[in-house]
Amino acid sequence: MSGVLNPVDVETKIQEISNRIAAGVQVITGAEREARAKRRAFDLAFAHAYKRADGPAHERKYTAEIDAMPHREAADVAEIAFKHAERTAKALEKELFAWQSINGNIRAMYNAAGVRS
């Protein structure tokens, strides 16, 4: 939005952002679910690799870490996506607050000018 704002434009923007926030709840939940599933897959792959490995405990641990690394990478990518979804939601909430403030200011200007908005 650029130029002169009016209450209808601002309320439309507020509604748009509110809808995006509501939809974002499902995005965040899905991303969190995916991250946890990937973390469990890593833990399971690590445990199986550790059990299959031979040698002293410290060597089995390193072997298991190497073998399970693709699962760790997938878990890390899923965690990053989850954190990104959370940051996006927080940014939308701040944007909503800003537009609500703008809306209040515009309404006050209209009222001061004797115009009903």
N, C-alpha and C. Protein backbone atom coordinates (compact mmCIF):
# COMPACT_ATOMS: atom_id res chain seq x y z
N MET A 1 0.83 -1.17 0.00
CA MET A 1 0.00 0.00 0.00
C MET A 1 0.88 1.23 0.00
N SER A 2 0.53 2.16 -0.89
CA SER A 2 1.27 3.42 -0.90
C SER A 2 0.28 4.56 -1.11
N GLY A 3 0.73 5.75 -0.86
CA GLY A 3 -0.14 6.90 -1.03
C GLY A 3 -0.98 7.13 0.21
N VAL A 4 -2.14 7.74 -0.02
CA VAL A 4 -3.04 8.09 1.07
C VAL A 4 -3.81 6.85 1.51
N LEU A 5 -3.85 6.65 2.81
CA LEU A 5 -4.57 5.51 3.37
C LEU A 5 -5.92 5.96 3.88
N ASN A 6 -6.88 5.06 3.76
CA ASN A 6 -8.18 5.33 4.36
C ASN A 6 -8.54 4.15 5.24
N PRO A 7 -9.51 4.32 6.13
CA PRO A 7 -9.85 3.26 7.07
C PRO A 7 -10.20 1.93 6.40
N VAL A 8 -10.87 1.97 5.27
CA VAL A 8 -11.26 0.72 4.60
C VAL A 8 -10.03 -0.04 4.13
N ASP A 9 -9.06 0.68 3.53
CA ASP A 9 -7.82 0.02 3.07
C ASP A 9 -7.07 -0.60 4.24
N VAL A 10 -6.99 0.14 5.33
CA VAL A 10 -6.25 -0.34 6.50
C VAL A 10 -6.96 -1.55 7.12
N GLU A 11 -8.27 -1.48 7.22
CA GLU A 11 -9.00 -2.62 7.79
C GLU A 11 -8.89 -3.85 6.90
N THR A 12 -8.84 -3.63 5.59
CA THR A 12 -8.62 -4.75 4.66
C THR A 12 -7.26 -5.38 4.90
N LYS A 13 -6.25 -4.55 5.08
CA LYS A 13 -4.89 -5.04 5.35
C LYS A 13 -4.85 -5.80 6.68
N ILE A 14 -5.51 -5.26 7.69
CA ILE A 14 -5.56 -5.93 9.00
C ILE A 14 -6.21 -7.30 8.87
N GLN A 15 -7.30 -7.38 8.13
CA GLN A 15 -7.98 -8.67 7.93
C GLN A 15 -7.08 -9.65 7.18
N GLU A 16 -6.37 -9.17 6.18
CA GLU A 16 -5.45 -10.02 5.41
C GLU A 16 -4.37 -10.60 6.32
N ILE A 17 -3.78 -9.75 7.14
CA ILE A 17 -2.72 -10.21 8.05
C ILE A 17 -3.29 -11.18 9.08
N SER A 18 -4.47 -10.88 9.60
CA SER A 18 -5.11 -11.78 10.57
C SER A 18 -5.34 -13.16 9.97
N ASN A 19 -5.76 -13.19 8.71
CA ASN A 19 -5.96 -14.48 8.02
C ASN A 19 -4.65 -15.23 7.83
N ARG A 20 -3.59 -14.48 7.52
CA ARG A 20 -2.28 -15.12 7.36
C ARG A 20 -1.79 -15.69 8.69
N ILE A 21 -2.03 -14.97 9.77
CA ILE A 21 -1.64 -15.47 11.10
C ILE A 21 -2.41 -16.75 11.42
N ALA A 22 -3.71 -16.74 11.15
CA ALA A 22 -4.53 -17.93 11.43
C ALA A 22 -4.05 -19.13 10.61
N ALA A 23 -3.74 -18.91 9.34
CA ALA A 23 -3.24 -20.00 8.49
C ALA A 23 -1.86 -20.45 8.95
N GLY A 24 -1.08 -19.52 9.48
CA GLY A 24 0.27 -19.84 9.93
C GLY A 24 0.31 -20.81 11.09
N VAL A 25 -0.74 -20.86 11.86
CA VAL A 25 -0.79 -21.81 12.98
C VAL A 25 -0.62 -23.23 12.45
N GLN A 26 -1.32 -23.55 11.38
CA GLN A 26 -1.21 -24.88 10.79
C GLN A 26 0.18 -25.11 10.20
N VAL A 27 0.76 -24.07 9.62
CA VAL A 27 2.10 -24.18 9.05
C VAL A 27 3.11 -24.50 10.16
N ILE A 28 3.01 -23.77 11.26
CA ILE A 28 3.93 -23.98 12.38
C ILE A 28 3.75 -25.39 12.96
N THR A 29 2.52 -25.80 13.15
CA THR A 29 2.26 -27.13 13.70
C THR A 29 2.82 -28.21 12.78
N GLY A 30 2.60 -28.05 11.49
CA GLY A 30 3.13 -29.02 10.54
C GLY A 30 4.65 -29.06 10.54
N ALA A 31 5.28 -27.89 10.61
CA ALA A 31 6.74 -27.83 10.63
C ALA A 31 7.30 -28.45 11.91
N GLU A 32 6.63 -28.20 13.03
CA GLU A 32 7.08 -28.79 14.30
C GLU A 32 6.92 -30.31 14.26
N ARG A 33 5.80 -30.77 13.74
CA ARG A 33 5.56 -32.21 13.63
C ARG A 33 6.64 -32.87 12.77
N GLU A 34 6.97 -32.22 11.65
CA GLU A 34 8.01 -32.74 10.74
C GLU A 34 9.37 -32.76 11.43
N ALA A 35 9.70 -31.69 12.14
CA ALA A 35 11.00 -31.62 12.82
C ALA A 35 11.13 -32.72 13.87
N ARG A 36 10.06 -32.94 14.62
CA ARG A 36 10.11 -34.00 15.65
C ARG A 36 10.21 -35.38 15.03
N ALA A 37 9.50 -35.59 13.92
CA ALA A 37 9.57 -36.89 13.24
C ALA A 37 10.98 -37.14 12.71
N LYS A 38 11.59 -36.11 12.15
CA LYS A 38 12.96 -36.26 11.63
C LYS A 38 13.95 -36.49 12.77
N ARG A 39 13.73 -35.85 13.90
CA ARG A 39 14.62 -36.06 15.05
C ARG A 39 14.50 -37.49 15.56
N ARG A 40 13.26 -38.01 15.61
CA ARG A 40 13.06 -39.41 16.02
C ARG A 40 13.73 -40.37 15.03
N ALA A 41 13.62 -40.06 13.74
CA ALA A 41 14.25 -40.92 12.73
C ALA A 41 15.76 -40.92 12.90
N PHE A 42 16.33 -39.77 13.21
CA PHE A 42 17.76 -39.71 13.47
C PHE A 42 18.12 -40.54 14.69
N ASP A 43 17.40 -40.36 15.77
CA ASP A 43 17.68 -41.12 17.00
C ASP A 43 17.62 -42.62 16.75
N LEU A 44 16.61 -43.05 16.00
CA LEU A 44 16.46 -44.47 15.70
C LEU A 44 17.58 -44.97 14.80
N ALA A 45 17.93 -44.20 13.78
CA ALA A 45 19.03 -44.60 12.89
C ALA A 45 20.34 -44.68 13.65
N PHE A 46 20.56 -43.73 14.54
CA PHE A 46 21.78 -43.73 15.34
C PHE A 46 21.82 -44.98 16.22
N ALA A 47 20.71 -45.29 16.88
CA ALA A 47 20.66 -46.46 17.76
C ALA A 47 20.93 -47.74 16.99
N HIS A 48 20.31 -47.88 15.82
CA HIS A 48 20.54 -49.10 15.02
C HIS A 48 21.99 -49.17 14.54
N ALA A 49 22.54 -48.06 14.11
CA ALA A 49 23.92 -48.05 13.64
C ALA A 49 24.88 -48.36 14.79
N TYR A 50 24.59 -47.88 15.97
CA TYR A 50 25.43 -48.14 17.13
C TYR A 50 25.41 -49.63 17.47
N LYS A 51 24.22 -50.22 17.42
CA LYS A 51 24.11 -51.65 17.72
C LYS A 51 24.85 -52.51 16.70
N ARG A 52 24.85 -52.08 15.43
CA ARG A 52 25.51 -52.86 14.38
C ARG A 52 27.02 -52.72 14.39
N ALA A 53 27.53 -51.63 14.94
CA ALA A 53 28.97 -51.35 14.89
C ALA A 53 29.74 -52.29 15.80
N ASP A 54 30.99 -52.54 15.41
CA ASP A 54 31.90 -53.37 16.21
C ASP A 54 32.96 -52.49 16.85
N GLY A 55 33.60 -53.02 17.87
CA GLY A 55 34.71 -52.32 18.49
C GLY A 55 34.32 -51.70 19.82
N PRO A 56 35.25 -50.92 20.37
CA PRO A 56 35.00 -50.26 21.64
C PRO A 56 33.87 -49.22 21.51
N ALA A 57 33.31 -48.86 22.64
CA ALA A 57 32.14 -47.97 22.66
C ALA A 57 32.39 -46.66 21.93
N HIS A 58 33.53 -46.04 22.13
CA HIS A 58 33.77 -44.74 21.49
C HIS A 58 33.86 -44.88 19.97
N GLU A 59 34.39 -46.00 19.48
CA GLU A 59 34.44 -46.22 18.02
C GLU A 59 33.05 -46.51 17.47
N ARG A 60 32.25 -47.27 18.22
CA ARG A 60 30.88 -47.55 17.77
C ARG A 60 30.08 -46.26 17.70
N LYS A 61 30.30 -45.37 18.65
CA LYS A 61 29.58 -44.09 18.66
C LYS A 61 29.91 -43.28 17.41
N TYR A 62 31.20 -43.18 17.08
CA TYR A 62 31.58 -42.41 15.89
C TYR A 62 31.07 -43.06 14.61
N THR A 63 31.11 -44.37 14.56
CA THR A 63 30.57 -45.08 13.39
C THR A 63 29.07 -44.81 13.25
N ALA A 64 28.37 -44.85 14.37
CA ALA A 64 26.93 -44.60 14.35
C ALA A 64 26.64 -43.16 13.93
N GLU A 65 27.44 -42.21 14.40
CA GLU A 65 27.23 -40.82 14.00
C GLU A 65 27.44 -40.63 12.50
N ILE A 66 28.45 -41.27 11.97
CA ILE A 66 28.70 -41.19 10.52
C ILE A 66 27.55 -41.83 9.74
N ASP A 67 27.14 -43.01 10.16
CA ASP A 67 26.08 -43.73 9.46
C ASP A 67 24.73 -42.99 9.53
N ALA A 68 24.47 -42.32 10.64
CA ALA A 68 23.19 -41.65 10.83
C ALA A 68 23.20 -40.19 10.36
N MET A 69 24.32 -39.72 9.82
CA MET A 69 24.43 -38.31 9.45
C MET A 69 23.36 -37.84 8.46
N PRO A 70 22.96 -38.62 7.46
CA PRO A 70 21.88 -38.13 6.58
C PRO A 70 20.58 -37.84 7.36
N HIS A 71 20.32 -38.64 8.38
CA HIS A 71 19.13 -38.41 9.21
C HIS A 71 19.31 -37.15 10.07
N ARG A 72 20.51 -36.93 10.54
CA ARG A 72 20.77 -35.70 11.32
C ARG A 72 20.60 -34.48 10.44
N GLU A 73 21.09 -34.55 9.20
CA GLU A 73 20.94 -33.42 8.28
C GLU A 73 19.47 -33.13 8.01
N ALA A 74 18.68 -34.18 7.79
CA ALA A 74 17.24 -34.01 7.54
C ALA A 74 16.56 -33.40 8.76
N ALA A 75 16.96 -33.82 9.95
CA ALA A 75 16.39 -33.27 11.18
C ALA A 75 16.76 -31.79 11.33
N ASP A 76 17.99 -31.45 10.99
CA ASP A 76 18.42 -30.05 11.08
C ASP A 76 17.65 -29.17 10.10
N VAL A 77 17.47 -29.65 8.89
CA VAL A 77 16.71 -28.88 7.88
C VAL A 77 15.27 -28.68 8.35
N ALA A 78 14.67 -29.73 8.91
CA ALA A 78 13.30 -29.62 9.41
C ALA A 78 13.22 -28.65 10.59
N GLU A 79 14.22 -28.65 11.45
CA GLU A 79 14.24 -27.73 12.58
C GLU A 79 14.37 -26.29 12.11
N ILE A 80 15.19 -26.07 11.09
CA ILE A 80 15.34 -24.72 10.53
C ILE A 80 14.01 -24.25 9.94
N ALA A 81 13.30 -25.13 9.25
CA ALA A 81 11.99 -24.77 8.67
C ALA A 81 11.00 -24.42 9.78
N PHE A 82 11.02 -25.17 10.85
CA PHE A 82 10.13 -24.90 11.99
C PHE A 82 10.45 -23.53 12.60
N LYS A 83 11.71 -23.25 12.84
CA LYS A 83 12.10 -21.96 13.43
C LYS A 83 11.75 -20.82 12.48
N HIS A 84 11.90 -21.03 11.18
CA HIS A 84 11.53 -20.00 10.21
C HIS A 84 10.03 -19.72 10.28
N ALA A 85 9.22 -20.75 10.39
CA ALA A 85 7.77 -20.57 10.50
C ALA A 85 7.43 -19.78 11.76
N GLU A 86 8.11 -20.08 12.86
CA GLU A 86 7.87 -19.33 14.10
C GLU A 86 8.26 -17.86 13.96
N ARG A 87 9.41 -17.60 13.32
CA ARG A 87 9.85 -16.21 13.12
C ARG A 87 8.89 -15.46 12.20
N THR A 88 8.40 -16.13 11.19
CA THR A 88 7.44 -15.51 10.27
C THR A 88 6.17 -15.14 11.02
N ALA A 89 5.69 -16.03 11.86
CA ALA A 89 4.47 -15.75 12.64
C ALA A 89 4.69 -14.56 13.57
N LYS A 90 5.83 -14.50 14.20
CA LYS A 90 6.12 -13.37 15.10
C LYS A 90 6.18 -12.06 14.31
N ALA A 91 6.77 -12.08 13.12
CA ALA A 91 6.84 -10.88 12.28
C ALA A 91 5.44 -10.44 11.85
N LEU A 92 4.58 -11.41 11.52
CA LEU A 92 3.21 -11.06 11.14
C LEU A 92 2.46 -10.43 12.31
N GLU A 93 2.67 -10.93 13.50
CA GLU A 93 2.02 -10.34 14.67
C GLU A 93 2.46 -8.88 14.87
N LYS A 94 3.75 -8.63 14.66
CA LYS A 94 4.24 -7.25 14.78
C LYS A 94 3.68 -6.37 13.67
N GLU A 95 3.58 -6.92 12.47
CA GLU A 95 2.99 -6.16 11.37
C GLU A 95 1.53 -5.84 11.64
N LEU A 96 0.81 -6.82 12.20
CA LEU A 96 -0.59 -6.58 12.56
C LEU A 96 -0.70 -5.45 13.57
N PHE A 97 0.14 -5.48 14.58
CA PHE A 97 0.12 -4.43 15.60
C PHE A 97 0.38 -3.07 14.96
N ALA A 98 1.33 -3.00 14.04
CA ALA A 98 1.64 -1.74 13.37
C ALA A 98 0.43 -1.23 12.58
N TRP A 99 -0.23 -2.12 11.86
CA TRP A 99 -1.40 -1.70 11.09
C TRP A 99 -2.56 -1.30 11.99
N GLN A 100 -2.68 -1.94 13.13
CA GLN A 100 -3.71 -1.53 14.08
C GLN A 100 -3.43 -0.12 14.61
N SER A 101 -2.17 0.19 14.83
CA SER A 101 -1.79 1.53 15.27
C SER A 101 -2.10 2.55 14.17
N ILE A 102 -1.75 2.20 12.94
CA ILE A 102 -2.05 3.09 11.81
C ILE A 102 -3.55 3.33 11.72
N ASN A 103 -4.32 2.26 11.89
CA ASN A 103 -5.77 2.36 11.83
C ASN A 103 -6.29 3.34 12.90
N GLY A 104 -5.78 3.23 14.09
CA GLY A 104 -6.18 4.14 15.17
C GLY A 104 -5.85 5.59 14.84
N ASN A 105 -4.66 5.80 14.26
CA ASN A 105 -4.26 7.16 13.90
C ASN A 105 -5.15 7.73 12.79
N ILE A 106 -5.45 6.93 11.80
CA ILE A 106 -6.31 7.39 10.69
C ILE A 106 -7.71 7.72 11.21
N ARG A 107 -8.24 6.86 12.05
CA ARG A 107 -9.57 7.11 12.62
C ARG A 107 -9.57 8.41 13.43
N ALA A 108 -8.51 8.64 14.19
CA ALA A 108 -8.42 9.87 14.98
C ALA A 108 -8.36 11.09 14.06
N MET A 109 -7.63 11.00 12.96
CA MET A 109 -7.57 12.11 12.01
C MET A 109 -8.93 12.37 11.38
N TYR A 110 -9.61 11.30 10.97
CA TYR A 110 -10.93 11.45 10.39
C TYR A 110 -11.90 12.09 11.40
N ASN A 111 -11.85 11.62 12.63
CA ASN A 111 -12.73 12.17 13.67
C ASN A 111 -12.42 13.65 13.95
N ALA A 112 -11.13 13.98 13.95
CA ALA A 112 -10.73 15.37 14.19
C ALA A 112 -11.23 16.28 13.06
N ALA A 113 -11.30 15.72 11.86
CA ALA A 113 -11.77 16.50 10.71
C ALA A 113 -13.28 16.50 10.62
N GLY A 114 -13.95 15.77 11.52
CA GLY A 114 -15.42 15.71 11.51
C GLY A 114 -15.98 14.74 10.48
N VAL A 115 -15.15 13.82 10.04
CA VAL A 115 -15.60 12.81 9.04
C VAL A 115 -15.82 11.50 9.77
N ARG A 116 -16.96 10.86 9.51
CA ARG A 116 -17.21 9.54 10.12
C ARG A 116 -16.59 8.48 9.23
N SER A 117 -15.79 7.61 9.83
CA SER A 117 -15.13 6.57 9.04
C SER A 117 -15.82 5.24 9.16
